[in-house]
Amino acid sequence: MGSQKNTVPFAGTKEQEAALLKVIADHKDDKGALMPILQKAQDIYGYLPIEVQSIISNEMNVPLEKVYGIVTFYSQFSLNPKGKFKVSVCLGTACYVKGSGDIFNKLQENLGIGDGDCTADGKFSLESCRCIGACGLAPVLTVNEDVYGKLTVDDIDGILAKYK
């Protein structure tokens, strides 16, 4: 799989752009405003595609490379859209030892996407994470706020079916 090119086209609205431009205008003269602007932009769009980074770069008169550098450095920011259902598999030690790697591979196969990607219909996104603090339930995955534990590869189809 690997991380293929994002297949979900950018679909920002005029309302989102207006909201972003207002946030930038409100903070334009604040020193150190780039982080709060990026956080608000992600709240508005759900992620920070190059189109949004370009608006911020142009309006703030900051090189796009600097904006991109910040977005890719901090894990709170995402370059890819998140699906309606965010599937996250713990690959921390306790989960990994109990087979979460196989579960992650099965999810990649079933959804047809890699780590950090989103299905073309925008329904599912998949990501690996480190310990979520449910080691007693290892291996664990979450779908949005729902936690599933003590999983086997055979449980995956049934879990995904609940969200389809």
Protein backbone atom coordinates (compact mmCIF):
# COMPACT_ATOMS: atom_id res chain seq x y z
CA MET A 1 0.00 0.00 0.00
CA GLY A 2 2.19 2.79 1.33
CA SER A 3 0.91 6.33 1.34
CA GLN A 4 -0.45 6.94 -2.11
CA LYS A 5 -1.40 10.34 -3.42
CA ASN A 6 -4.51 11.67 -1.73
CA THR A 7 -7.47 10.76 -3.95
CA VAL A 8 -10.07 13.02 -2.34
CA PRO A 9 -10.28 16.29 -4.31
CA PHE A 10 -10.12 19.56 -2.37
CA ALA A 11 -13.68 20.78 -1.91
CA GLY A 12 -13.39 23.97 0.10
CA THR A 13 -16.41 26.26 0.08
CA LYS A 14 -16.61 30.04 -0.23
CA GLU A 15 -17.94 30.08 3.35
CA GLN A 16 -14.87 28.22 4.59
CA GLU A 17 -12.57 30.57 2.71
CA ALA A 18 -14.39 33.62 4.13
CA ALA A 19 -14.07 32.18 7.65
CA LEU A 20 -10.34 31.56 7.09
CA LEU A 21 -9.76 35.07 5.71
CA LYS A 22 -11.54 36.53 8.76
CA VAL A 23 -9.33 34.49 11.13
CA ILE A 24 -6.23 35.70 9.28
CA ALA A 25 -7.43 39.32 9.33
CA ASP A 26 -8.12 39.08 13.08
CA HIS A 27 -4.61 37.77 13.81
CA LYS A 28 -2.54 39.26 10.99
CA ASP A 29 -0.62 41.68 13.22
CA ASP A 30 -0.14 39.32 16.16
CA LYS A 31 3.40 38.06 16.64
CA GLY A 32 3.44 34.26 16.53
CA ALA A 33 -0.01 34.11 14.92
CA LEU A 34 0.84 31.35 12.45
CA MET A 35 0.16 28.44 14.84
CA PRO A 36 -3.25 29.71 16.03
CA ILE A 37 -4.22 30.50 12.41
CA LEU A 38 -3.22 26.99 11.30
CA GLN A 39 -5.20 25.47 14.19
CA LYS A 40 -8.30 27.51 13.30
CA ALA A 41 -7.85 26.68 9.59
CA GLN A 42 -7.80 22.98 10.45
CA ASP A 43 -10.97 23.47 12.53
CA ILE A 44 -12.62 25.11 9.50
CA TYR A 45 -11.52 22.58 6.85
CA GLY A 46 -10.80 19.46 8.92
CA TYR A 47 -7.29 19.26 7.45
CA LEU A 48 -4.68 21.52 5.83
CA PRO A 49 -4.32 20.79 2.11
CA ILE A 50 -1.88 22.79 0.00
CA GLU A 51 -4.73 25.03 -1.19
CA VAL A 52 -5.39 26.19 2.39
CA GLN A 53 -1.67 26.51 3.15
CA SER A 54 -1.30 28.71 0.05
CA ILE A 55 -4.06 31.09 1.22
CA ILE A 56 -2.37 31.39 4.63
CA SER A 57 1.06 31.86 3.02
CA ASN A 58 -0.19 34.61 0.69
CA GLU A 59 -2.31 36.45 3.25
CA MET A 60 0.34 36.30 6.00
CA ASN A 61 3.20 37.01 3.57
CA VAL A 62 5.02 33.93 4.89
CA PRO A 63 6.84 31.55 2.50
CA LEU A 64 4.77 28.46 1.68
CA GLU A 65 7.79 26.32 2.68
CA LYS A 66 7.60 27.70 6.22
CA VAL A 67 3.85 27.00 6.46
CA TYR A 68 4.35 23.47 5.06
CA GLY A 69 7.27 22.90 7.46
CA ILE A 70 5.08 23.70 10.47
CA VAL A 71 2.15 21.63 9.20
CA THR A 72 4.33 18.56 8.62
CA PHE A 73 6.31 18.95 11.88
CA TYR A 74 3.39 19.01 14.33
CA SER A 75 1.32 15.83 14.57
CA GLN A 76 -1.84 17.82 15.43
CA PHE A 77 -2.00 18.93 11.78
CA SER A 78 -3.12 16.73 8.91
CA LEU A 79 -2.38 17.10 5.19
CA ASN A 80 -5.09 14.60 4.31
CA PRO A 81 -8.81 14.76 4.93
CA LYS A 82 -10.23 12.62 7.68
CA GLY A 83 -13.09 10.32 6.85
CA LYS A 84 -16.51 10.47 8.41
CA PHE A 85 -15.29 7.42 10.33
CA LYS A 86 -11.72 7.77 11.64
CA VAL A 87 -10.27 4.30 12.15
CA SER A 88 -7.19 4.30 14.35
CA VAL A 89 -5.21 1.17 15.23
CA CYS A 90 -2.87 1.11 18.21
CA LEU A 91 0.57 -0.15 17.22
CA GLY A 92 2.02 0.39 20.71
CA THR A 93 4.00 -2.47 22.23
CA ALA A 94 1.20 -4.30 24.09
CA CYS A 95 -1.14 -4.17 21.09
CA TYR A 96 1.57 -4.96 18.55
CA VAL A 97 2.72 -8.04 20.45
CA LYS A 98 -0.90 -9.28 20.42
CA GLY A 99 -1.31 -8.83 16.66
CA SER A 100 -2.35 -5.25 15.92
CA GLY A 101 0.05 -5.15 12.96
CA ASP A 102 -1.99 -7.88 11.25
CA ILE A 103 -5.21 -6.03 12.08
CA PHE A 104 -3.80 -2.83 10.58
CA ASN A 105 -2.76 -4.71 7.42
CA LYS A 106 -6.24 -6.23 7.12
CA LEU A 107 -7.83 -2.76 7.41
CA GLN A 108 -5.51 -1.39 4.71
CA GLU A 109 -6.52 -4.29 2.47
CA ASN A 110 -10.28 -3.96 3.19
CA LEU A 111 -10.42 -0.18 2.85
CA GLY A 112 -7.91 0.01 -0.02
CA ILE A 113 -5.96 2.82 1.66
CA GLY A 114 -2.68 3.26 3.51
CA ASP A 115 -1.74 4.88 6.81
CA GLY A 116 -2.96 8.47 6.92
CA ASP A 117 -5.18 8.11 3.86
CA CYS A 118 -8.91 8.55 3.31
CA THR A 119 -11.20 6.48 1.08
CA ALA A 120 -12.24 8.21 -2.15
CA ASP A 121 -15.85 8.50 -0.92
CA GLY A 122 -14.67 10.32 2.22
CA LYS A 123 -16.26 7.70 4.45
CA PHE A 124 -13.21 6.13 6.17
CA SER A 125 -9.75 7.33 7.09
CA LEU A 126 -7.10 5.06 8.56
CA GLU A 127 -4.20 5.83 10.84
CA SER A 128 -1.87 4.05 13.16
CA CYS A 129 -1.26 5.46 16.61
CA ARG A 130 0.79 4.69 19.68
CA CYS A 131 -0.65 3.62 23.03
CA ILE A 132 -4.20 4.82 23.71
CA GLY A 133 -4.12 3.61 27.32
CA ALA A 134 -6.24 0.50 26.86
CA CYS A 135 -3.42 -2.05 27.06
CA GLY A 136 -5.60 -4.51 28.99
CA LEU A 137 -7.82 -4.74 25.91
CA ALA A 138 -4.94 -5.28 23.46
CA PRO A 139 -5.08 -5.27 20.52
CA VAL A 140 -7.25 -2.17 20.24
CA LEU A 141 -8.70 0.00 17.50
CA THR A 142 -11.01 2.97 17.61
CA VAL A 143 -13.62 4.20 15.15
CA ASN A 144 -14.22 7.83 16.08
CA GLU A 145 -15.08 7.52 19.82
CA ASP A 146 -15.91 3.78 19.75
CA VAL A 147 -13.24 1.48 21.22
CA TYR A 148 -12.87 -2.15 20.14
CA GLY A 149 -10.56 -4.46 22.08
CA LYS A 150 -9.23 -8.01 22.26
CA LEU A 151 -9.47 -8.11 18.47
CA THR A 152 -8.54 -10.68 15.89
CA VAL A 153 -8.24 -10.19 12.14
CA ASP A 154 -11.58 -12.01 11.82
CA ASP A 155 -13.36 -9.20 13.75
CA ILE A 156 -12.53 -6.51 11.17
CA ASP A 157 -15.27 -7.20 8.60
CA GLY A 158 -17.98 -7.09 11.29
CA ILE A 159 -16.68 -3.84 12.76
CA LEU A 160 -16.49 -2.09 9.38
CA ALA A 161 -19.97 -3.34 8.45
CA LYS A 162 -21.44 -1.31 11.35
CA TYR A 163 -20.30 1.91 9.66
CA LYS A 164 -20.99 1.15 6.00
